[in-house]
Amino acid sequence: MGNTCTEFSHGFTATDTTIIAGQKCTSEGLFWFVVAFTVALQIFQNFIWTKSGQKSREALMAPKGSMQREFAVRGLMKFTLTSSLLHILNTLLILGANVYILGAIVIGNVLGTYWSYEKQPCDSHDPLTAFRDLCKLNQRQREELMDILQKPEVAALFVRQQVVYEY
């Protein structure tokens, strides 16, 4: 059986050749368009990742089986689909193996992380709120709370893990 693989290459630093989905394109204008597109793609991907992380937190904070969780999971599925498609497109760009495209990915990721977290509203729930509230209690209030928590019927709830937290 003969050799079935041949090298399909271009210069690692070439600015006049772009490989798009296995097609070798020779155009400096197209090359720089692809570089700019790659930066924009990475920025967009970072926004999707940020939104997806927010939806994940919302879904896990909502009670199982609730409409709130169902709504959050559906939103998360949309972000996951979009992210997957963008990841495939990103992989096609990386396979071109050009230093400028790879640099554009890094620049796009850094800018995208900055911009997406600058624009993302803060989480609606602060998991430290209850702890901060406990810290604000005076000595008498702490003693009253400890008395309540030490009652057998209250302690039994924690032992059986029947405490439901509502946000």
Protein backbone atom coordinates (compact mmCIF):
# COMPACT_ATOMS: atom_id res chain seq x y z
CA MET A 1 0.00 0.00 0.00
CA GLY A 2 1.41 3.40 -0.96
CA ASN A 3 1.81 6.57 1.04
CA THR A 4 -1.68 8.01 1.68
CA CYS A 5 -0.68 11.09 3.64
CA THR A 6 0.97 14.16 2.20
CA GLU A 7 1.93 17.39 3.90
CA PHE A 8 -0.49 20.24 3.32
CA SER A 9 1.33 23.19 4.73
CA HIS A 10 1.79 26.89 4.62
CA GLY A 11 4.07 29.23 6.51
CA PHE A 12 3.38 29.46 10.23
CA THR A 13 3.71 33.24 9.98
CA ALA A 14 2.25 33.68 6.47
CA THR A 15 -0.22 36.55 6.13
CA ASP A 16 -1.42 35.77 2.63
CA THR A 17 -2.69 32.21 3.10
CA THR A 18 -5.68 31.00 5.08
CA ILE A 19 -6.93 27.47 5.47
CA ILE A 20 -10.70 27.47 5.92
CA ALA A 21 -12.38 24.08 6.43
CA GLY A 22 -9.58 22.34 4.54
CA GLN A 23 -9.54 24.84 1.69
CA LYS A 24 -6.34 26.78 1.06
CA CYS A 25 -7.21 30.40 0.29
CA THR A 26 -4.61 32.88 -0.90
CA SER A 27 -5.66 36.42 -0.12
CA GLU A 28 -4.12 38.86 2.34
CA GLY A 29 -7.45 40.67 2.77
CA LEU A 30 -9.24 37.40 3.58
CA PHE A 31 -6.46 36.45 5.98
CA TRP A 32 -6.81 39.63 8.05
CA PHE A 33 -10.60 39.33 7.95
CA VAL A 34 -10.27 35.83 9.43
CA VAL A 35 -7.91 37.17 12.14
CA ALA A 36 -10.42 39.90 13.08
CA PHE A 37 -13.28 37.38 12.91
CA THR A 38 -11.35 35.08 15.26
CA VAL A 39 -10.96 37.84 17.86
CA ALA A 40 -14.70 38.62 17.64
CA LEU A 41 -15.54 34.90 17.86
CA GLN A 42 -13.50 34.51 21.05
CA ILE A 43 -15.09 37.58 22.62
CA PHE A 44 -18.55 36.21 21.80
CA GLN A 45 -17.57 32.79 23.21
CA ASN A 46 -16.58 34.43 26.49
CA PHE A 47 -19.97 36.14 26.74
CA ILE A 48 -21.63 32.76 26.16
CA TRP A 49 -19.45 31.08 28.81
CA THR A 50 -20.26 33.83 31.33
CA LYS A 51 -24.00 33.61 30.67
CA SER A 52 -23.83 29.82 30.80
CA GLY A 53 -22.13 29.96 34.20
CA GLN A 54 -24.84 32.28 35.50
CA LYS A 55 -27.58 29.96 34.22
CA SER A 56 -25.83 26.99 35.84
CA ARG A 57 -25.88 28.73 39.21
CA GLU A 58 -29.52 29.72 38.76
CA ALA A 59 -30.49 26.16 37.87
CA LEU A 60 -28.70 24.67 40.87
CA MET A 61 -30.16 27.21 43.30
CA ALA A 62 -33.73 26.45 42.22
CA PRO A 63 -35.53 23.49 43.82
CA LYS A 64 -35.67 20.24 41.83
CA GLY A 65 -38.75 19.98 39.66
CA SER A 66 -39.62 23.67 39.94
CA MET A 67 -40.54 25.86 36.98
CA GLN A 68 -37.67 28.15 37.96
CA ARG A 69 -35.17 25.29 37.51
CA GLU A 70 -36.84 24.16 34.28
CA PHE A 71 -36.57 27.69 32.86
CA ALA A 72 -32.90 27.97 33.88
CA VAL A 73 -32.03 24.55 32.41
CA ARG A 74 -33.67 25.43 29.10
CA GLY A 75 -31.63 28.64 28.95
CA LEU A 76 -28.52 26.66 29.83
CA MET A 77 -29.23 24.23 26.97
CA LYS A 78 -29.38 27.14 24.50
CA PHE A 79 -26.05 28.47 25.72
CA THR A 80 -24.54 24.96 25.56
CA LEU A 81 -25.69 24.50 21.96
CA THR A 82 -24.33 27.89 20.93
CA SER A 83 -21.05 27.26 22.75
CA SER A 84 -20.64 23.85 21.09
CA LEU A 85 -21.16 25.29 17.60
CA LEU A 86 -18.69 28.09 18.29
CA HIS A 87 -16.20 25.56 19.62
CA ILE A 88 -16.41 23.58 16.38
CA LEU A 89 -15.84 26.77 14.36
CA ASN A 90 -12.94 27.68 16.63
CA THR A 91 -11.38 24.24 16.08
CA LEU A 92 -11.54 24.73 12.32
CA LEU A 93 -9.66 28.02 12.71
CA ILE A 94 -7.03 26.45 14.97
CA LEU A 95 -6.38 23.67 12.45
CA GLY A 96 -5.05 26.33 10.08
CA ALA A 97 -2.01 26.47 12.40
CA ASN A 98 -1.08 30.09 11.85
CA VAL A 99 0.58 32.17 14.56
CA TYR A 100 -1.67 35.16 13.89
CA ILE A 101 -4.86 33.10 14.19
CA LEU A 102 -3.60 31.52 17.41
CA GLY A 103 -2.64 34.97 18.73
CA ALA A 104 -6.10 36.27 17.80
CA ILE A 105 -7.63 33.46 19.87
CA VAL A 106 -5.58 34.46 22.92
CA ILE A 107 -6.35 38.17 22.48
CA GLY A 108 -10.05 37.43 21.95
CA ASN A 109 -10.17 35.26 25.08
CA VAL A 110 -8.54 37.90 27.24
CA LEU A 111 -10.71 40.74 25.90
CA GLY A 112 -13.82 38.56 26.00
CA THR A 113 -13.26 37.60 29.62
CA TYR A 114 -12.82 41.24 30.59
CA TRP A 115 -15.82 42.55 28.66
CA SER A 116 -18.18 39.69 29.50
CA TYR A 117 -17.55 40.01 33.25
CA GLU A 118 -17.75 43.80 33.06
CA LYS A 119 -21.20 43.58 31.44
CA GLN A 120 -22.62 40.62 33.41
CA PRO A 121 -25.00 41.68 36.21
CA CYS A 122 -24.04 40.44 39.66
CA ASP A 123 -25.53 37.21 40.96
CA SER A 124 -28.94 37.72 42.49
CA HIS A 125 -28.06 35.52 45.46
CA ASP A 126 -25.09 35.99 47.72
CA PRO A 127 -24.31 32.69 49.47
CA LEU A 128 -22.61 34.59 52.30
CA THR A 129 -25.70 36.63 53.23
CA ALA A 130 -26.81 34.21 55.95
CA PHE A 131 -23.29 34.11 57.39
CA ARG A 132 -23.04 37.90 57.38
CA ASP A 133 -26.41 38.14 59.11
CA LEU A 134 -25.19 35.74 61.81
CA CYS A 135 -22.12 37.89 62.36
CA LYS A 136 -24.32 40.93 62.97
CA LEU A 137 -26.21 39.26 65.85
CA ASN A 138 -25.53 40.57 69.33
CA GLN A 139 -24.68 38.24 72.20
CA ARG A 140 -28.31 37.85 73.37
CA GLN A 141 -29.51 37.02 69.85
CA ARG A 142 -26.71 34.44 69.40
CA GLU A 143 -27.69 32.76 72.67
CA GLU A 144 -31.34 32.65 71.61
CA LEU A 145 -30.38 31.15 68.27
CA MET A 146 -28.21 28.51 69.95
CA ASP A 147 -31.10 27.62 72.29
CA ILE A 148 -33.38 27.12 69.28
CA LEU A 149 -30.83 25.04 67.36
CA GLN A 150 -30.22 22.79 70.38
CA LYS A 151 -33.90 21.80 70.68
CA PRO A 152 -34.22 18.11 69.76
CA GLU A 153 -36.89 18.67 67.10
CA VAL A 154 -34.74 21.29 65.33
CA ALA A 155 -31.55 19.23 65.63
CA ALA A 156 -33.41 16.24 64.15
CA LEU A 157 -34.22 18.24 61.02
CA PHE A 158 -30.52 18.81 60.39
CA VAL A 159 -29.57 15.21 61.15
CA ARG A 160 -32.14 13.90 58.64
CA GLN A 161 -31.20 16.67 56.21
CA GLN A 162 -34.79 17.83 55.88
CA VAL A 163 -33.97 21.49 55.91
CA VAL A 164 -35.09 23.21 52.71
CA TYR A 165 -33.46 26.52 51.94
CA GLU A 166 -35.59 29.04 50.11
CA TYR A 167 -34.11 32.00 48.32
